[in-house]
Amino acid sequence: MDLFNQSSENNLLFGESIVESHGIIFSKEEISAIFNDLLKDIAWEIDEILIFGKKITTKRKTAWYGDKPFTYTYSHATKIALTWTQTLLEIKEKVELISNEKYNSCLLNLYHDGSEGMGWHSDDEKMIVPKSAIASVSFGATRKFVFKHKKDKTQVSTILENGSLLVMKGETQIDWLHALPKSLKIKTPRINLTFRMIVDQQ
């Protein structure tokens, strides 16, 4: 199956759970410049999250940006959105044009190498507009990305390349979990941006 350049008519998932892979949307020159800008200019922080009542300090680093100082809580950790950088605004504009969706915030994750990943979860927090699109943009190391149906446990995987865009919408967060598996073969960093629509809290 060609997992890239898909339209909604060629959905990676099934039915009303829609995942569109748009492939690489930036030039090599743009990718290199953006990656360096994100490493340098983003206010990266180490996460402290609560898992099964135990406070865990993550190796990966995160950051949260938006149109307003939106609060965003996950795994009992709360962030307040920072003001967009110019690079983030330029990425957002391109992603909105390609996906034909609007976004008012972005959660960023910096994975230093393949020893860092993300377990099964859905992006279904109450502060996210229900059934709104979530656009995932990847820079750096190529990583495997996996979906698992919540009921029948069917799994679907794709590859997220350097400079690529994946858009999740419809019932995806309701019916599916997703994860970024660890891989010790990967020795280089990856930066992931997930653009979202947060409920206006003001």
Protein backbone atom coordinates (compact mmCIF):
# COMPACT_ATOMS: atom_id res chain seq x y z
CA MET A 1 0.00 0.00 0.00
CA ASP A 2 1.27 3.47 -0.83
CA LEU A 3 0.96 5.30 2.48
CA PHE A 4 1.82 8.68 1.03
CA ASN A 5 -0.09 11.23 -1.03
CA GLN A 6 -3.37 9.76 0.12
CA SER A 7 -6.66 11.63 0.04
CA SER A 8 -9.64 11.03 2.32
CA GLU A 9 -10.90 8.62 -0.34
CA ASN A 10 -7.77 6.55 0.30
CA ASN A 11 -7.93 6.59 4.10
CA LEU A 12 -5.21 4.82 6.09
CA LEU A 13 -7.87 3.71 8.59
CA PHE A 14 -11.54 2.75 8.15
CA GLY A 15 -14.92 4.45 7.87
CA GLU A 16 -15.26 7.69 9.83
CA SER A 17 -11.78 7.33 11.36
CA ILE A 18 -9.72 9.28 8.85
CA VAL A 19 -5.94 9.49 8.61
CA GLU A 20 -4.46 11.19 5.55
CA SER A 21 -0.74 10.97 4.78
CA HIS A 22 0.47 13.86 2.64
CA GLY A 23 4.08 12.72 2.44
CA ILE A 24 7.01 15.14 2.49
CA ILE A 25 5.74 18.71 2.16
CA PHE A 26 8.99 20.68 2.53
CA SER A 27 12.15 20.90 0.40
CA LYS A 28 15.47 19.55 1.71
CA GLU A 29 16.66 23.11 2.28
CA GLU A 30 13.51 24.03 4.20
CA ILE A 31 13.70 20.86 6.32
CA SER A 32 17.28 21.56 7.38
CA ALA A 33 16.58 25.20 8.24
CA ILE A 34 13.37 24.38 10.13
CA PHE A 35 14.99 21.59 12.15
CA ASN A 36 17.82 23.87 13.25
CA ASP A 37 15.42 26.71 14.07
CA LEU A 38 13.23 24.42 16.18
CA LEU A 39 16.20 23.05 18.13
CA LYS A 40 17.49 26.56 18.80
CA ASP A 41 14.38 28.71 19.26
CA ILE A 42 11.79 26.47 20.94
CA ALA A 43 11.52 26.69 24.75
CA TRP A 44 12.04 22.97 25.33
CA GLU A 45 11.20 21.51 28.75
CA ILE A 46 11.46 18.08 30.33
CA ASP A 47 8.04 16.67 31.20
CA GLU A 48 7.05 15.53 34.67
CA ILE A 49 3.96 13.36 34.31
CA LEU A 50 1.96 11.15 36.65
CA ILE A 51 1.57 7.50 35.63
CA PHE A 52 -0.28 5.10 37.95
CA GLY A 53 0.26 7.55 40.81
CA LYS A 54 4.01 7.79 40.26
CA LYS A 55 5.74 10.95 39.05
CA ILE A 56 7.89 10.24 36.00
CA THR A 57 10.45 12.59 34.43
CA THR A 58 10.54 11.95 30.69
CA LYS A 59 13.70 11.91 28.61
CA ARG A 60 11.93 13.54 25.72
CA LYS A 61 11.40 17.29 25.81
CA THR A 62 8.17 19.13 25.03
CA ALA A 63 6.83 22.61 24.31
CA TRP A 64 3.37 24.15 23.89
CA TYR A 65 2.50 27.15 21.69
CA GLY A 66 -0.75 28.79 20.63
CA ASP A 67 -2.85 31.76 19.54
CA LYS A 68 -3.59 32.51 23.21
CA PRO A 69 -2.14 31.31 26.56
CA PHE A 70 -4.28 28.17 26.39
CA THR A 71 -3.81 25.68 29.21
CA TYR A 72 -3.26 22.06 28.19
CA THR A 73 -3.29 19.17 30.67
CA TYR A 74 -2.27 15.58 29.95
CA SER A 75 -1.01 12.86 32.31
CA HIS A 76 -1.64 15.36 35.14
CA ALA A 77 0.88 17.82 33.68
CA THR A 78 -0.36 21.31 32.76
CA LYS A 79 1.24 23.68 30.27
CA ILE A 80 0.43 27.28 29.30
CA ALA A 81 0.83 28.06 25.60
CA LEU A 82 3.67 30.35 24.58
CA THR A 83 3.48 32.88 21.75
CA TRP A 84 4.16 31.44 18.29
CA THR A 85 7.66 31.72 16.86
CA GLN A 86 7.94 32.87 13.25
CA THR A 87 9.04 29.40 12.16
CA LEU A 88 6.01 27.77 13.81
CA LEU A 89 3.66 30.27 12.18
CA GLU A 90 5.14 29.53 8.75
CA ILE A 91 4.76 25.77 9.29
CA LYS A 92 1.19 26.22 10.53
CA GLU A 93 0.25 28.29 7.49
CA LYS A 94 1.51 25.59 5.13
CA VAL A 95 -0.14 22.78 7.10
CA GLU A 96 -3.47 24.62 7.15
CA LEU A 97 -3.30 25.16 3.40
CA ILE A 98 -2.52 21.51 2.62
CA SER A 99 -4.92 19.98 5.13
CA ASN A 100 -7.70 22.53 4.54
CA GLU A 101 -8.12 22.79 8.33
CA LYS A 102 -7.49 25.46 10.98
CA TYR A 103 -5.34 25.09 14.11
CA ASN A 104 -4.85 27.38 17.10
CA SER A 105 -2.14 25.54 19.02
CA CYS A 106 0.79 23.14 18.71
CA LEU A 107 2.35 20.57 21.02
CA LEU A 108 5.98 19.79 20.19
CA ASN A 109 7.99 16.73 21.21
CA LEU A 110 11.76 16.31 20.90
CA TYR A 111 12.90 12.68 20.86
CA HIS A 112 16.69 12.53 21.20
CA ASP A 113 16.95 9.06 19.63
CA GLY A 114 15.04 5.82 19.21
CA SER A 115 15.25 4.96 22.92
CA GLU A 116 12.51 7.55 23.44
CA GLY A 117 8.98 6.92 22.20
CA MET A 118 5.31 7.30 23.11
CA GLY A 119 3.02 4.58 24.43
CA TRP A 120 -0.55 3.87 23.36
CA HIS A 121 -2.88 6.86 23.79
CA SER A 122 -5.54 8.97 22.09
CA ASP A 123 -5.49 12.75 21.76
CA ASP A 124 -8.94 13.04 23.31
CA GLU A 125 -8.46 15.49 26.18
CA LYS A 126 -11.50 17.65 26.96
CA MET A 127 -9.72 20.85 25.96
CA ILE A 128 -9.40 19.64 22.34
CA VAL A 129 -12.35 20.51 20.10
CA PRO A 130 -14.19 17.17 19.60
CA LYS A 131 -13.47 15.43 16.28
CA SER A 132 -11.25 18.32 15.16
CA ALA A 133 -8.27 17.59 12.92
CA ILE A 134 -4.82 17.02 14.42
CA ALA A 135 -1.93 17.56 12.02
CA SER A 136 1.35 15.77 12.80
CA VAL A 137 4.51 17.16 11.19
CA SER A 138 7.83 15.32 11.54
CA PHE A 139 11.41 16.56 11.26
CA GLY A 140 14.57 14.52 11.74
CA ALA A 141 14.78 10.75 12.13
CA THR A 142 12.29 8.59 10.24
CA ARG A 143 10.07 6.74 12.74
CA LYS A 144 7.36 4.10 12.65
CA PHE A 145 3.88 5.23 13.81
CA VAL A 146 1.20 2.70 14.78
CA PHE A 147 -2.58 2.82 15.24
CA LYS A 148 -4.53 0.22 17.27
CA HIS A 149 -8.32 -0.08 17.23
CA LYS A 150 -9.75 0.19 20.74
CA LYS A 151 -12.21 -2.68 20.32
CA ASP A 152 -10.91 -5.27 17.88
CA LYS A 153 -7.18 -4.43 18.40
CA THR A 154 -6.51 -4.20 14.66
CA GLN A 155 -3.17 -2.46 14.06
CA VAL A 156 -2.18 -0.22 11.15
CA SER A 157 1.30 1.26 10.83
CA THR A 158 2.90 3.92 8.68
CA ILE A 159 6.29 5.58 8.38
CA LEU A 160 6.77 9.24 9.30
CA GLU A 161 9.55 10.69 7.19
CA ASN A 162 11.63 13.81 7.63
CA GLY A 163 9.45 16.77 6.57
CA SER A 164 6.20 14.78 6.28
CA LEU A 165 2.62 15.59 7.23
CA LEU A 166 -0.01 13.21 8.64
CA VAL A 167 -3.55 14.43 9.43
CA MET A 168 -5.87 12.61 11.85
CA LYS A 169 -9.55 13.56 11.97
CA GLY A 170 -13.13 12.29 12.16
CA GLU A 171 -13.56 9.44 14.66
CA THR A 172 -9.82 8.62 14.86
CA GLN A 173 -9.30 9.75 18.47
CA ILE A 174 -12.55 8.10 19.56
CA ASP A 175 -12.01 4.66 18.02
CA TRP A 176 -8.20 4.33 17.85
CA LEU A 177 -5.07 4.55 19.97
CA HIS A 178 -1.72 5.51 18.47
CA ALA A 179 1.91 5.09 19.52
CA LEU A 180 5.49 5.88 18.54
CA PRO A 181 7.41 2.62 19.18
CA LYS A 182 10.96 2.74 20.50
CA SER A 183 13.81 1.50 18.29
CA LEU A 184 17.40 1.24 19.47
CA LYS A 185 18.53 1.27 15.84
CA ILE A 186 17.67 4.98 15.60
CA LYS A 187 20.54 7.14 16.84
CA THR A 188 19.41 10.60 15.69
CA PRO A 189 16.77 13.04 17.01
CA ARG A 190 13.24 13.64 15.78
CA ILE A 191 11.01 16.66 16.37
CA ASN A 192 7.26 16.16 16.09
CA LEU A 193 4.70 18.98 15.89
CA THR A 194 1.01 18.25 16.45
CA PHE A 195 -1.20 21.17 15.47
CA ARG A 196 -4.57 21.16 17.25
CA MET A 197 -7.77 23.11 17.84
CA ILE A 198 -8.19 23.89 21.53
CA VAL A 199 -11.50 25.05 22.97
CA ASP A 200 -11.28 28.81 23.50
CA GLN A 201 -11.02 29.17 27.26
CA GLN A 202 -11.54 32.96 27.38
